Amino acid sequence: MTQESDILWGLYLEHCAQSRHHESLRATVTNLFLTITAGVTGVIALDRRINPADLPLALFIFLLGAFGALIAAKHYERFQFHTERARVYRDELESLLPATKIKALKQKADATHNAAWPRLHKLRLFKLWVGIHIGIATFGVVLSLIALFQPIAA
């Protein structure tokens, strides 16, 4: 390999690693927020009924879910940033090494995969990750509404 191709290869590997890092962070944040939501829900359920005193905790769950959706979307943006850079470095590397068939092999693998998963391959994974957090936020809204419309116990 030439010095230029070594540099491109190093840049490619670095951005692939950064992409994986953002995916790991997104999963970690989602797990943490689900755990916090479960804990706060447990506190709300301690007295076996939802009442107006639980409103701050329910609103916290909503805010946690909304913030989580934003974090998940941002990690996806950073993932795409690093993936696009890696793609550009890979394409340039292939142009320096014309005897390789990197792009043709990738296209063949993509076609095989897409044929095996005709519907599911179109579903963007980040929508599911963001959807988890939207579900948390929605749960917080539902708890808030229940808390708002419960009579205050004497």
N, C-alpha and C. Protein backbone atom coordinates (compact mmCIF):
# COMPACT_ATOMS: atom_id res chain seq x y z
N MET A 1 0.84 -1.19 0.00
CA MET A 1 0.00 0.00 0.00
C MET A 1 0.88 1.25 0.00
N THR A 2 0.36 2.27 -0.59
CA THR A 2 1.08 3.54 -0.62
C THR A 2 0.78 4.30 0.67
N GLN A 3 1.53 5.37 0.88
CA GLN A 3 1.30 6.18 2.07
C GLN A 3 -0.10 6.79 2.04
N GLU A 4 -0.56 7.22 0.86
CA GLU A 4 -1.90 7.80 0.75
C GLU A 4 -2.97 6.78 1.10
N SER A 5 -2.82 5.57 0.60
CA SER A 5 -3.82 4.55 0.89
C SER A 5 -3.79 4.14 2.36
N ASP A 6 -2.60 4.17 2.98
CA ASP A 6 -2.51 3.88 4.41
C ASP A 6 -3.26 4.94 5.23
N ILE A 7 -3.10 6.20 4.83
CA ILE A 7 -3.79 7.28 5.52
C ILE A 7 -5.30 7.13 5.35
N LEU A 8 -5.75 6.86 4.12
CA LEU A 8 -7.18 6.69 3.87
C LEU A 8 -7.73 5.51 4.67
N TRP A 9 -6.99 4.41 4.71
CA TRP A 9 -7.42 3.23 5.46
C TRP A 9 -7.56 3.56 6.95
N GLY A 10 -6.59 4.30 7.48
CA GLY A 10 -6.65 4.69 8.88
C GLY A 10 -7.85 5.59 9.16
N LEU A 11 -8.10 6.55 8.27
CA LEU A 11 -9.26 7.42 8.43
C LEU A 11 -10.57 6.63 8.33
N TYR A 12 -10.62 5.70 7.40
CA TYR A 12 -11.80 4.85 7.24
C TYR A 12 -12.08 4.08 8.53
N LEU A 13 -11.03 3.43 9.07
CA LEU A 13 -11.21 2.65 10.30
C LEU A 13 -11.62 3.54 11.46
N GLU A 14 -11.04 4.74 11.57
CA GLU A 14 -11.39 5.65 12.66
C GLU A 14 -12.87 6.04 12.62
N HIS A 15 -13.36 6.35 11.44
CA HIS A 15 -14.77 6.77 11.35
C HIS A 15 -15.72 5.59 11.52
N CYS A 16 -15.31 4.40 11.13
CA CYS A 16 -16.12 3.21 11.42
C CYS A 16 -16.21 3.00 12.93
N ALA A 17 -15.09 3.18 13.62
CA ALA A 17 -15.08 3.03 15.08
C ALA A 17 -15.96 4.09 15.74
N GLN A 18 -15.90 5.32 15.24
CA GLN A 18 -16.73 6.39 15.79
C GLN A 18 -18.22 6.10 15.56
N SER A 19 -18.56 5.55 14.41
CA SER A 19 -19.96 5.18 14.13
C SER A 19 -20.44 4.15 15.15
N ARG A 20 -19.63 3.12 15.37
CA ARG A 20 -19.99 2.10 16.35
C ARG A 20 -20.11 2.70 17.75
N HIS A 21 -19.24 3.64 18.06
CA HIS A 21 -19.27 4.29 19.38
C HIS A 21 -20.60 5.01 19.60
N HIS A 22 -21.07 5.73 18.59
CA HIS A 22 -22.35 6.43 18.74
C HIS A 22 -23.52 5.45 18.86
N GLU A 23 -23.44 4.33 18.18
CA GLU A 23 -24.48 3.31 18.33
C GLU A 23 -24.48 2.76 19.75
N SER A 24 -23.30 2.53 20.31
CA SER A 24 -23.20 2.03 21.69
C SER A 24 -23.73 3.05 22.68
N LEU A 25 -23.38 4.32 22.47
CA LEU A 25 -23.87 5.37 23.37
C LEU A 25 -25.39 5.47 23.31
N ARG A 26 -25.95 5.36 22.11
CA ARG A 26 -27.40 5.43 21.96
C ARG A 26 -28.07 4.29 22.73
N ALA A 27 -27.52 3.11 22.62
CA ALA A 27 -28.09 1.96 23.34
C ALA A 27 -27.95 2.15 24.85
N THR A 28 -26.83 2.67 25.30
CA THR A 28 -26.61 2.88 26.73
C THR A 28 -27.59 3.91 27.29
N VAL A 29 -27.76 5.02 26.57
CA VAL A 29 -28.70 6.06 27.02
C VAL A 29 -30.12 5.50 27.07
N THR A 30 -30.49 4.74 26.06
CA THR A 30 -31.85 4.17 26.03
C THR A 30 -32.05 3.23 27.21
N ASN A 31 -31.08 2.37 27.48
CA ASN A 31 -31.20 1.45 28.62
C ASN A 31 -31.28 2.22 29.94
N LEU A 32 -30.47 3.25 30.07
CA LEU A 32 -30.49 4.05 31.29
C LEU A 32 -31.84 4.73 31.47
N PHE A 33 -32.37 5.31 30.41
CA PHE A 33 -33.64 6.02 30.51
C PHE A 33 -34.80 5.05 30.77
N LEU A 34 -34.74 3.85 30.21
CA LEU A 34 -35.77 2.85 30.51
C LEU A 34 -35.70 2.43 31.97
N THR A 35 -34.49 2.29 32.49
CA THR A 35 -34.32 1.92 33.90
C THR A 35 -34.83 3.02 34.82
N ILE A 36 -34.50 4.26 34.50
CA ILE A 36 -34.99 5.39 35.30
C ILE A 36 -36.51 5.44 35.25
N THR A 37 -37.07 5.26 34.06
CA THR A 37 -38.53 5.28 33.91
C THR A 37 -39.18 4.19 34.77
N ALA A 38 -38.59 3.00 34.77
CA ALA A 38 -39.13 1.91 35.58
C ALA A 38 -39.07 2.25 37.06
N GLY A 39 -37.95 2.84 37.49
CA GLY A 39 -37.81 3.21 38.90
C GLY A 39 -38.81 4.28 39.31
N VAL A 40 -38.96 5.31 38.49
CA VAL A 40 -39.91 6.38 38.80
C VAL A 40 -41.34 5.84 38.78
N THR A 41 -41.63 4.94 37.86
CA THR A 41 -42.95 4.33 37.82
C THR A 41 -43.21 3.53 39.09
N GLY A 42 -42.18 2.87 39.57
CA GLY A 42 -42.31 2.14 40.84
C GLY A 42 -42.62 3.06 42.00
N VAL A 43 -41.98 4.22 42.03
CA VAL A 43 -42.27 5.20 43.09
C VAL A 43 -43.72 5.69 42.98
N ILE A 44 -44.16 5.96 41.77
CA ILE A 44 -45.55 6.40 41.56
C ILE A 44 -46.52 5.33 42.04
N ALA A 45 -46.18 4.07 41.82
CA ALA A 45 -47.08 2.97 42.14
C ALA A 45 -47.01 2.52 43.60
N LEU A 46 -46.16 3.14 44.39
CA LEU A 46 -46.01 2.72 45.79
C LEU A 46 -47.32 2.72 46.56
N ASP A 47 -48.14 3.73 46.35
CA ASP A 47 -49.40 3.79 47.09
C ASP A 47 -50.55 3.15 46.31
N ARG A 48 -50.23 2.43 45.26
CA ARG A 48 -51.17 1.64 44.46
C ARG A 48 -52.24 2.48 43.75
N ARG A 49 -52.02 3.78 43.64
CA ARG A 49 -52.92 4.62 42.86
C ARG A 49 -52.16 5.85 42.41
N ILE A 50 -52.59 6.38 41.30
CA ILE A 50 -51.99 7.61 40.80
C ILE A 50 -52.82 8.77 41.31
N ASN A 51 -52.16 9.77 41.88
CA ASN A 51 -52.87 10.92 42.41
C ASN A 51 -52.14 12.20 42.01
N PRO A 52 -52.72 13.36 42.27
CA PRO A 52 -52.10 14.62 41.86
C PRO A 52 -50.68 14.82 42.39
N ALA A 53 -50.36 14.23 43.51
CA ALA A 53 -49.00 14.35 44.06
C ALA A 53 -47.96 13.68 43.15
N ASP A 54 -48.42 12.79 42.28
CA ASP A 54 -47.50 12.08 41.36
C ASP A 54 -47.23 12.88 40.09
N LEU A 55 -47.89 14.01 39.93
CA LEU A 55 -47.73 14.80 38.70
C LEU A 55 -46.28 15.19 38.40
N PRO A 56 -45.51 15.66 39.38
CA PRO A 56 -44.12 16.01 39.05
C PRO A 56 -43.31 14.82 38.53
N LEU A 57 -43.54 13.65 39.10
CA LEU A 57 -42.82 12.46 38.63
C LEU A 57 -43.28 12.06 37.22
N ALA A 58 -44.57 12.17 36.98
CA ALA A 58 -45.10 11.85 35.65
C ALA A 58 -44.55 12.83 34.60
N LEU A 59 -44.49 14.10 34.97
CA LEU A 59 -43.91 15.10 34.05
C LEU A 59 -42.42 14.83 33.83
N PHE A 60 -41.74 14.37 34.86
CA PHE A 60 -40.33 14.00 34.72
C PHE A 60 -40.18 12.88 33.69
N ILE A 61 -41.06 11.89 33.76
CA ILE A 61 -41.00 10.79 32.77
C ILE A 61 -41.21 11.34 31.36
N PHE A 62 -42.16 12.24 31.20
CA PHE A 62 -42.37 12.86 29.89
C PHE A 62 -41.11 13.57 29.40
N LEU A 63 -40.52 14.40 30.27
CA LEU A 63 -39.32 15.14 29.88
C LEU A 63 -38.16 14.20 29.59
N LEU A 64 -38.05 13.14 30.35
CA LEU A 64 -37.00 12.15 30.12
C LEU A 64 -37.15 11.51 28.74
N GLY A 65 -38.38 11.16 28.40
CA GLY A 65 -38.64 10.56 27.09
C GLY A 65 -38.36 11.53 25.95
N ALA A 66 -38.78 12.79 26.12
CA ALA A 66 -38.55 13.79 25.08
C ALA A 66 -37.05 14.03 24.90
N PHE A 67 -36.33 14.15 26.01
CA PHE A 67 -34.88 14.35 25.95
C PHE A 67 -34.19 13.13 25.34
N GLY A 68 -34.66 11.95 25.70
CA GLY A 68 -34.10 10.72 25.14
C GLY A 68 -34.28 10.64 23.64
N ALA A 69 -35.45 11.06 23.15
CA ALA A 69 -35.69 11.07 21.70
C ALA A 69 -34.71 12.00 21.01
N LEU A 70 -34.47 13.15 21.62
CA LEU A 70 -33.51 14.11 21.06
C LEU A 70 -32.10 13.53 21.06
N ILE A 71 -31.70 12.89 22.15
CA ILE A 71 -30.37 12.29 22.23
C ILE A 71 -30.23 11.18 21.19
N ALA A 72 -31.24 10.32 21.07
CA ALA A 72 -31.18 9.22 20.10
C ALA A 72 -31.06 9.77 18.68
N ALA A 73 -31.81 10.83 18.37
CA ALA A 73 -31.74 11.43 17.03
C ALA A 73 -30.36 12.04 16.79
N LYS A 74 -29.79 12.69 17.80
CA LYS A 74 -28.47 13.30 17.66
C LYS A 74 -27.39 12.23 17.46
N HIS A 75 -27.48 11.14 18.21
CA HIS A 75 -26.50 10.06 18.01
C HIS A 75 -26.63 9.48 16.60
N TYR A 76 -27.84 9.40 16.08
CA TYR A 76 -28.01 8.92 14.71
C TYR A 76 -27.37 9.89 13.72
N GLU A 77 -27.54 11.19 13.97
CA GLU A 77 -26.91 12.19 13.10
C GLU A 77 -25.40 12.02 13.11
N ARG A 78 -24.81 11.85 14.29
CA ARG A 78 -23.36 11.66 14.38
C ARG A 78 -22.94 10.35 13.73
N PHE A 79 -23.74 9.31 13.91
CA PHE A 79 -23.48 8.02 13.24
C PHE A 79 -23.43 8.23 11.73
N GLN A 80 -24.42 8.95 11.19
CA GLN A 80 -24.46 9.20 9.75
C GLN A 80 -23.27 10.04 9.29
N PHE A 81 -22.87 11.00 10.11
CA PHE A 81 -21.71 11.83 9.80
C PHE A 81 -20.47 10.96 9.61
N HIS A 82 -20.20 10.10 10.58
CA HIS A 82 -19.00 9.26 10.51
C HIS A 82 -19.13 8.20 9.42
N THR A 83 -20.33 7.67 9.21
CA THR A 83 -20.53 6.69 8.15
C THR A 83 -20.29 7.31 6.79
N GLU A 84 -20.74 8.52 6.58
CA GLU A 84 -20.53 9.19 5.29
C GLU A 84 -19.06 9.46 5.05
N ARG A 85 -18.35 9.89 6.07
CA ARG A 85 -16.90 10.10 5.91
C ARG A 85 -16.21 8.78 5.59
N ALA A 86 -16.57 7.72 6.30
CA ALA A 86 -15.96 6.41 6.03
C ALA A 86 -16.25 5.99 4.60
N ARG A 87 -17.46 6.23 4.12
CA ARG A 87 -17.84 5.87 2.75
C ARG A 87 -16.98 6.63 1.74
N VAL A 88 -16.77 7.91 1.98
CA VAL A 88 -15.95 8.71 1.06
C VAL A 88 -14.51 8.21 1.06
N TYR A 89 -13.95 7.91 2.23
CA TYR A 89 -12.59 7.39 2.29
C TYR A 89 -12.48 6.03 1.60
N ARG A 90 -13.49 5.18 1.80
CA ARG A 90 -13.49 3.86 1.15
C ARG A 90 -13.54 4.01 -0.37
N ASP A 91 -14.40 4.90 -0.85
CA ASP A 91 -14.50 5.10 -2.30
C ASP A 91 -13.19 5.63 -2.88
N GLU A 92 -12.57 6.56 -2.17
CA GLU A 92 -11.28 7.10 -2.64
C GLU A 92 -10.20 6.02 -2.61
N LEU A 93 -10.23 5.20 -1.59
CA LEU A 93 -9.27 4.10 -1.49
C LEU A 93 -9.45 3.15 -2.67
N GLU A 94 -10.68 2.86 -3.03
CA GLU A 94 -10.91 1.98 -4.16
C GLU A 94 -10.41 2.61 -5.46
N SER A 95 -10.54 3.91 -5.59
CA SER A 95 -10.05 4.56 -6.81
C SER A 95 -8.52 4.49 -6.91
N LEU A 96 -7.85 4.42 -5.77
CA LEU A 96 -6.39 4.28 -5.76
C LEU A 96 -5.96 2.84 -6.03
N LEU A 97 -6.87 1.91 -5.77
CA LEU A 97 -6.59 0.48 -5.94
C LEU A 97 -7.60 -0.09 -6.94
N PRO A 98 -7.48 0.27 -8.21
CA PRO A 98 -8.52 -0.10 -9.18
C PRO A 98 -8.70 -1.61 -9.37
N ALA A 99 -7.73 -2.41 -8.97
CA ALA A 99 -7.87 -3.85 -9.14
C ALA A 99 -8.87 -4.45 -8.14
N THR A 100 -9.23 -3.68 -7.10
CA THR A 100 -10.18 -4.21 -6.12
C THR A 100 -11.60 -4.04 -6.62
N LYS A 101 -12.48 -4.80 -6.05
CA LYS A 101 -13.90 -4.77 -6.43
C LYS A 101 -14.76 -4.47 -5.21
N ILE A 102 -14.28 -3.56 -4.39
CA ILE A 102 -14.96 -3.26 -3.13
C ILE A 102 -16.41 -2.86 -3.36
N LYS A 103 -16.63 -1.90 -4.24
CA LYS A 103 -17.98 -1.38 -4.47
C LYS A 103 -18.88 -2.45 -5.10
N ALA A 104 -18.34 -3.19 -6.05
CA ALA A 104 -19.14 -4.24 -6.70
C ALA A 104 -19.53 -5.32 -5.69
N LEU A 105 -18.60 -5.71 -4.82
CA LEU A 105 -18.91 -6.71 -3.80
C LEU A 105 -19.95 -6.19 -2.81
N LYS A 106 -19.82 -4.92 -2.42
CA LYS A 106 -20.79 -4.32 -1.52
C LYS A 106 -22.17 -4.31 -2.16
N GLN A 107 -22.26 -3.92 -3.41
CA GLN A 107 -23.55 -3.88 -4.10
C GLN A 107 -24.16 -5.27 -4.23
N LYS A 108 -23.32 -6.27 -4.48
CA LYS A 108 -23.82 -7.66 -4.56
C LYS A 108 -24.36 -8.12 -3.21
N ALA A 109 -23.61 -7.82 -2.15
CA ALA A 109 -24.06 -8.20 -0.80
C ALA A 109 -25.35 -7.48 -0.44
N ASP A 110 -25.44 -6.19 -0.77
CA ASP A 110 -26.66 -5.42 -0.50
C ASP A 110 -27.86 -6.01 -1.23
N ALA A 111 -27.68 -6.36 -2.49
CA ALA A 111 -28.78 -6.92 -3.29
C ALA A 111 -29.26 -8.24 -2.70
N THR A 112 -28.32 -9.09 -2.28
CA THR A 112 -28.68 -10.37 -1.67
C THR A 112 -29.44 -10.15 -0.37
N HIS A 113 -28.93 -9.25 0.46
CA HIS A 113 -29.58 -8.95 1.74
C HIS A 113 -30.98 -8.38 1.53
N ASN A 114 -31.10 -7.41 0.63
CA ASN A 114 -32.39 -6.76 0.39
C ASN A 114 -33.42 -7.73 -0.18
N ALA A 115 -32.98 -8.69 -0.97
CA ALA A 115 -33.89 -9.69 -1.50
C ALA A 115 -34.40 -10.61 -0.39
N ALA A 116 -33.52 -10.89 0.58
CA ALA A 116 -33.91 -11.76 1.70
C ALA A 116 -34.84 -11.04 2.68
N TRP A 117 -34.74 -9.72 2.75
CA TRP A 117 -35.52 -8.92 3.69
C TRP A 117 -36.21 -7.78 2.94
N PRO A 118 -37.17 -8.10 2.06
CA PRO A 118 -37.72 -7.08 1.15
C PRO A 118 -38.43 -5.92 1.85
N ARG A 119 -39.04 -6.14 2.99
CA ARG A 119 -39.73 -5.05 3.68
C ARG A 119 -38.90 -4.49 4.83
N LEU A 120 -38.33 -5.40 5.60
CA LEU A 120 -37.65 -4.99 6.83
C LEU A 120 -36.40 -4.15 6.55
N HIS A 121 -35.72 -4.38 5.45
CA HIS A 121 -34.50 -3.60 5.19
C HIS A 121 -34.80 -2.13 4.94
N LYS A 122 -36.05 -1.80 4.63
CA LYS A 122 -36.42 -0.40 4.39
C LYS A 122 -36.69 0.36 5.70
N LEU A 123 -36.95 -0.37 6.78
CA LEU A 123 -37.24 0.26 8.06
C LEU A 123 -35.94 0.79 8.65
N ARG A 124 -35.91 2.08 8.94
CA ARG A 124 -34.72 2.72 9.51
C ARG A 124 -34.67 2.42 11.00
N LEU A 125 -33.57 1.87 11.45
CA LEU A 125 -33.42 1.47 12.85
C LEU A 125 -33.52 2.65 13.80
N PHE A 126 -33.05 3.82 13.37
CA PHE A 126 -33.10 4.97 14.27
C PHE A 126 -34.54 5.34 14.62
N LYS A 127 -35.49 5.04 13.73
CA LYS A 127 -36.89 5.33 14.03
C LYS A 127 -37.38 4.48 15.20
N LEU A 128 -36.89 3.27 15.30
CA LEU A 128 -37.25 2.41 16.43
C LEU A 128 -36.64 2.93 17.73
N TRP A 129 -35.35 3.35 17.65
CA TRP A 129 -34.68 3.88 18.84
C TRP A 129 -35.38 5.15 19.32
N VAL A 130 -35.69 6.05 18.42
CA VAL A 130 -36.40 7.28 18.79
C VAL A 130 -37.80 6.92 19.28
N GLY A 131 -38.42 5.92 18.67
CA GLY A 131 -39.76 5.49 19.06
C GLY A 131 -39.83 5.01 20.50
N ILE A 132 -38.78 4.36 20.97
CA ILE A 132 -38.75 3.93 22.37
C ILE A 132 -38.88 5.14 23.28
N HIS A 133 -38.14 6.19 22.97
CA HIS A 133 -38.17 7.39 23.81
C HIS A 133 -39.49 8.15 23.67
N ILE A 134 -40.05 8.13 22.48
CA ILE A 134 -41.37 8.74 22.31
C ILE A 134 -42.41 7.96 23.12
N GLY A 135 -42.24 6.64 23.18
CA GLY A 135 -43.11 5.82 24.03
C GLY A 135 -42.97 6.19 25.49
N ILE A 136 -41.76 6.44 25.96
CA ILE A 136 -41.55 6.87 27.35
C ILE A 136 -42.25 8.21 27.58
N ALA A 137 -42.07 9.14 26.64
CA ALA A 137 -42.71 10.46 26.78
C ALA A 137 -44.23 10.33 26.79
N THR A 138 -44.76 9.49 25.93
CA THR A 138 -46.21 9.27 25.88
C THR A 138 -46.71 8.67 27.19
N PHE A 139 -45.96 7.74 27.72
CA PHE A 139 -46.30 7.15 29.02
C PHE A 139 -46.34 8.23 30.10
N GLY A 140 -45.38 9.16 30.06
CA GLY A 140 -45.38 10.27 31.01
C GLY A 140 -46.59 11.16 30.86
N VAL A 141 -47.01 11.41 29.62
CA VAL A 141 -48.21 12.22 29.37
C VAL A 141 -49.44 11.52 29.92
N VAL A 142 -49.57 10.23 29.66
CA VAL A 142 -50.73 9.48 30.15
C VAL A 142 -50.77 9.50 31.68
N LEU A 143 -49.62 9.26 32.31
CA LEU A 143 -49.58 9.31 33.78
C LEU A 143 -49.94 10.71 34.28
N SER A 144 -49.45 11.73 33.58
CA SER A 144 -49.77 13.12 33.99
C SER A 144 -51.26 13.39 33.90
N LEU A 145 -51.88 12.95 32.82
CA LEU A 145 -53.32 13.17 32.67
C LEU A 145 -54.12 12.43 33.73
N ILE A 146 -53.71 11.21 34.02
CA ILE A 146 -54.39 10.45 35.08
C ILE A 146 -54.23 11.17 36.41
N ALA A 147 -53.02 11.64 36.69
CA ALA A 147 -52.77 12.34 37.95
C ALA A 147 -53.57 13.63 38.06
N LEU A 148 -53.70 14.32 36.94
CA LEU A 148 -54.43 15.60 36.94
C LEU A 148 -55.92 15.42 37.23
N PHE A 149 -56.47 14.33 36.74
CA PHE A 149 -57.92 14.15 36.85
C PHE A 149 -58.34 13.24 37.98
N GLN A 150 -57.43 12.88 38.85
CA GLN A 150 -57.78 12.09 40.03
C GLN A 150 -58.17 13.03 41.17
N PRO A 151 -59.19 12.70 41.89
CA PRO A 151 -59.56 13.54 43.02
C PRO A 151 -58.49 13.45 44.12
N ILE A 152 -58.31 14.52 44.84
CA ILE A 152 -57.34 14.51 45.94
C ILE A 152 -57.94 13.73 47.09
N ALA A 153 -57.18 12.77 47.59
CA ALA A 153 -57.68 11.92 48.70
C ALA A 153 -57.70 12.73 49.98
N ALA A 154 -58.71 12.45 50.77
CA ALA A 154 -58.88 13.20 52.04
C ALA A 154 -58.01 12.66 53.11
